[in-house]
Amino acid sequence: MRSKERMNKWAEHIEAHKASGQTVTKWCEANSVNAKQFYNWRKRLSPSTNNSPTPKNLFIQAKAAPSIVPVNDQKLHNESSISIRIGMAVIDLHRGFEEDMLTSVVRAVTRAC
């Protein structure tokens, strides 16, 4: 496997671990990945490592600005709830929610993620 392919494979492993919410040990066991290699690659690919062999364009940091889209009231009458996912957070909306409160919660969750 070429070095770029290997780096991309490990970057995918690291992102999958982050999204899983599991500890490194549990994620590595579940995915047949050597934990020692995982830690090594996570350190190598970390943006804070100055001498990292990672190409600068392998990772980009993106931030999404929250936007509130008006919800059709008829949809709320037909559905018991709506769930919004932001990173690992889930916001459940039920009939009669306050739009100002939702805006504040989305902004707070986005900053925390």
C-alpha atoms as a PDB file:
ATOM      1  CA  MET A   1       0.000   0.000   0.000  1.00  0.00           C
ATOM      2  CA  ARG A   2       1.367   3.406  -0.960  1.00  0.00           C
ATOM      3  CA  SER A   3       1.998   5.973   1.761  1.00  0.00           C
ATOM      4  CA  LYS A   4      -0.856   8.284   0.662  1.00  0.00           C
ATOM      5  CA  GLU A   5      -3.274   5.366   0.663  1.00  0.00           C
ATOM      6  CA  ARG A   6      -2.035   4.282   4.083  1.00  0.00           C
ATOM      7  CA  MET A   7      -2.416   7.823   5.466  1.00  0.00           C
ATOM      8  CA  ASN A   8      -5.938   8.097   4.055  1.00  0.00           C
ATOM      9  CA  LYS A   9      -6.874   4.692   5.498  1.00  0.00           C
ATOM     10  CA  TRP A  10      -5.701   5.755   8.959  1.00  0.00           C
ATOM     11  CA  ALA A  11      -7.382   9.145   8.648  1.00  0.00           C
ATOM     12  CA  GLU A  12     -10.630   7.285   7.919  1.00  0.00           C
ATOM     13  CA  HIS A  13     -10.054   5.032  10.957  1.00  0.00           C
ATOM     14  CA  ILE A  14      -9.481   8.075  13.174  1.00  0.00           C
ATOM     15  CA  GLU A  15     -12.628   9.825  11.922  1.00  0.00           C
ATOM     16  CA  ALA A  16     -14.685   6.637  12.324  1.00  0.00           C
ATOM     17  CA  HIS A  17     -13.461   6.313  15.907  1.00  0.00           C
ATOM     18  CA  LYS A  18     -14.383   9.945  16.670  1.00  0.00           C
ATOM     19  CA  ALA A  19     -17.874   9.439  15.255  1.00  0.00           C
ATOM     20  CA  SER A  20     -18.390   6.194  17.190  1.00  0.00           C
ATOM     21  CA  GLY A  21     -18.212   7.693  20.676  1.00  0.00           C
ATOM     22  CA  GLN A  22     -16.335   4.583  21.847  1.00  0.00           C
ATOM     23  CA  THR A  23     -13.022   4.431  23.648  1.00  0.00           C
ATOM     24  CA  VAL A  24     -10.007   3.753  21.441  1.00  0.00           C
ATOM     25  CA  THR A  25      -9.585   0.295  22.972  1.00  0.00           C
ATOM     26  CA  LYS A  26     -13.197  -0.731  22.349  1.00  0.00           C
ATOM     27  CA  TRP A  27     -13.274   0.742  18.833  1.00  0.00           C
ATOM     28  CA  CYS A  28      -9.986  -0.959  17.902  1.00  0.00           C
ATOM     29  CA  GLU A  29     -11.204  -4.321  19.224  1.00  0.00           C
ATOM     30  CA  ALA A  30     -14.507  -4.015  17.354  1.00  0.00           C
ATOM     31  CA  ASN A  31     -12.736  -3.060  14.107  1.00  0.00           C
ATOM     32  CA  SER A  32      -9.709  -5.388  14.315  1.00  0.00           C
ATOM     33  CA  VAL A  33      -7.287  -2.467  14.490  1.00  0.00           C
ATOM     34  CA  ASN A  34      -4.068  -2.541  16.518  1.00  0.00           C
ATOM     35  CA  ALA A  35      -4.510   0.064  19.283  1.00  0.00           C
ATOM     36  CA  LYS A  36      -0.791   0.889  19.431  1.00  0.00           C
ATOM     37  CA  GLN A  37      -0.778   1.603  15.672  1.00  0.00           C
ATOM     38  CA  PHE A  38      -3.973   3.643  16.065  1.00  0.00           C
ATOM     39  CA  TYR A  39      -2.368   5.894  18.692  1.00  0.00           C
ATOM     40  CA  ASN A  40       0.780   6.214  16.566  1.00  0.00           C
ATOM     41  CA  TRP A  41      -1.158   7.235  13.466  1.00  0.00           C
ATOM     42  CA  ARG A  42      -3.443   9.573  15.397  1.00  0.00           C
ATOM     43  CA  LYS A  43      -0.334  11.368  16.668  1.00  0.00           C
ATOM     44  CA  ARG A  44       1.266  11.414  13.203  1.00  0.00           C
ATOM     45  CA  LEU A  45      -1.856  12.827  11.577  1.00  0.00           C
ATOM     46  CA  SER A  46      -2.582  15.337  14.325  1.00  0.00           C
ATOM     47  CA  PRO A  47      -2.502  18.913  13.024  1.00  0.00           C
ATOM     48  CA  SER A  48      -0.635  19.954  16.179  1.00  0.00           C
ATOM     49  CA  THR A  49       2.352  17.766  15.277  1.00  0.00           C
ATOM     50  CA  ASN A  50       4.829  20.113  13.615  1.00  0.00           C
ATOM     51  CA  ASN A  51       6.915  17.461  11.871  1.00  0.00           C
ATOM     52  CA  SER A  52       3.940  15.455  10.614  1.00  0.00           C
ATOM     53  CA  PRO A  53       4.388  13.857   7.185  1.00  0.00           C
ATOM     54  CA  THR A  54       0.715  14.580   6.484  1.00  0.00           C
ATOM     55  CA  PRO A  55       0.133  16.630   3.336  1.00  0.00           C
ATOM     56  CA  LYS A  56      -1.423  19.995   4.198  1.00  0.00           C
ATOM     57  CA  ASN A  57      -4.416  19.343   1.971  1.00  0.00           C
ATOM     58  CA  LEU A  58      -5.347  16.006   3.594  1.00  0.00           C
ATOM     59  CA  PHE A  59      -7.413  17.684   6.330  1.00  0.00           C
ATOM     60  CA  ILE A  60      -9.391  20.858   6.227  1.00  0.00           C
ATOM     61  CA  GLN A  61     -11.265  22.427   9.097  1.00  0.00           C
ATOM     62  CA  ALA A  62     -14.802  23.427   8.269  1.00  0.00           C
ATOM     63  CA  LYS A  63     -17.371  25.191  10.374  1.00  0.00           C
ATOM     64  CA  ALA A  64     -21.007  25.326   9.433  1.00  0.00           C
ATOM     65  CA  ALA A  65     -23.082  28.287  10.445  1.00  0.00           C
ATOM     66  CA  PRO A  66     -26.472  27.292  11.785  1.00  0.00           C
ATOM     67  CA  SER A  67     -29.428  28.399   9.755  1.00  0.00           C
ATOM     68  CA  ILE A  68     -33.030  28.083  10.733  1.00  0.00           C
ATOM     69  CA  VAL A  69     -35.470  27.137   8.014  1.00  0.00           C
ATOM     70  CA  PRO A  70     -39.141  27.732   8.779  1.00  0.00           C
ATOM     71  CA  VAL A  71     -40.991  24.456   9.263  1.00  0.00           C
ATOM     72  CA  ASN A  72     -44.367  23.980   7.670  1.00  0.00           C
ATOM     73  CA  ASP A  73     -46.867  23.813  10.564  1.00  0.00           C
ATOM     74  CA  GLN A  74     -48.817  21.128   8.695  1.00  0.00           C
ATOM     75  CA  LYS A  75     -45.744  18.861   8.830  1.00  0.00           C
ATOM     76  CA  LEU A  76     -45.606  19.290  12.612  1.00  0.00           C
ATOM     77  CA  HIS A  77     -49.254  18.285  12.878  1.00  0.00           C
ATOM     78  CA  ASN A  78     -48.586  15.122  10.869  1.00  0.00           C
ATOM     79  CA  GLU A  79     -45.403  14.145  12.727  1.00  0.00           C
ATOM     80  CA  SER A  80     -45.028  13.664  16.463  1.00  0.00           C
ATOM     81  CA  SER A  81     -41.483  15.052  16.501  1.00  0.00           C
ATOM     82  CA  ILE A  82     -38.518  16.132  14.393  1.00  0.00           C
ATOM     83  CA  SER A  83     -34.888  15.347  15.289  1.00  0.00           C
ATOM     84  CA  ILE A  84     -31.952  17.569  14.343  1.00  0.00           C
ATOM     85  CA  ARG A  85     -28.430  16.161  14.523  1.00  0.00           C
ATOM     86  CA  ILE A  86     -25.414  18.439  14.969  1.00  0.00           C
ATOM     87  CA  GLY A  87     -22.246  16.416  15.443  1.00  0.00           C
ATOM     88  CA  MET A  88     -22.988  13.983  18.274  1.00  0.00           C
ATOM     89  CA  ALA A  89     -25.867  16.115  19.629  1.00  0.00           C
ATOM     90  CA  VAL A  90     -29.507  15.402  18.843  1.00  0.00           C
ATOM     91  CA  ILE A  91     -32.213  18.024  19.298  1.00  0.00           C
ATOM     92  CA  ASP A  92     -35.776  16.692  19.374  1.00  0.00           C
ATOM     93  CA  LEU A  93     -38.515  19.148  18.444  1.00  0.00           C
ATOM     94  CA  HIS A  94     -42.105  18.561  19.425  1.00  0.00           C
ATOM     95  CA  ARG A  95     -45.232  20.371  18.375  1.00  0.00           C
ATOM     96  CA  GLY A  96     -45.317  23.906  19.764  1.00  0.00           C
ATOM     97  CA  PHE A  97     -41.552  24.450  20.079  1.00  0.00           C
ATOM     98  CA  GLU A  98     -40.354  28.042  20.355  1.00  0.00           C
ATOM     99  CA  GLU A  99     -38.323  29.190  17.351  1.00  0.00           C
ATOM    100  CA  ASP A 100     -36.191  31.613  19.430  1.00  0.00           C
ATOM    101  CA  MET A 101     -35.309  28.838  21.865  1.00  0.00           C
ATOM    102  CA  LEU A 102     -34.361  26.519  18.990  1.00  0.00           C
ATOM    103  CA  THR A 103     -32.135  29.213  17.469  1.00  0.00           C
ATOM    104  CA  SER A 104     -30.318  29.661  20.794  1.00  0.00           C
ATOM    105  CA  VAL A 105     -29.890  25.915  21.315  1.00  0.00           C
ATOM    106  CA  VAL A 106     -28.577  25.331  17.774  1.00  0.00           C
ATOM    107  CA  ARG A 107     -26.041  28.136  18.163  1.00  0.00           C
ATOM    108  CA  ALA A 108     -24.863  26.801  21.551  1.00  0.00           C
ATOM    109  CA  VAL A 109     -24.560  23.223  20.297  1.00  0.00           C
ATOM    110  CA  THR A 110     -22.735  24.328  17.136  1.00  0.00           C
ATOM    111  CA  ARG A 111     -20.187  26.248  19.215  1.00  0.00           C
ATOM    112  CA  ALA A 112     -19.665  23.241  21.493  1.00  0.00           C
ATOM    113  CA  CYS A 113     -19.144  20.827  18.584  1.00  0.00           C
END
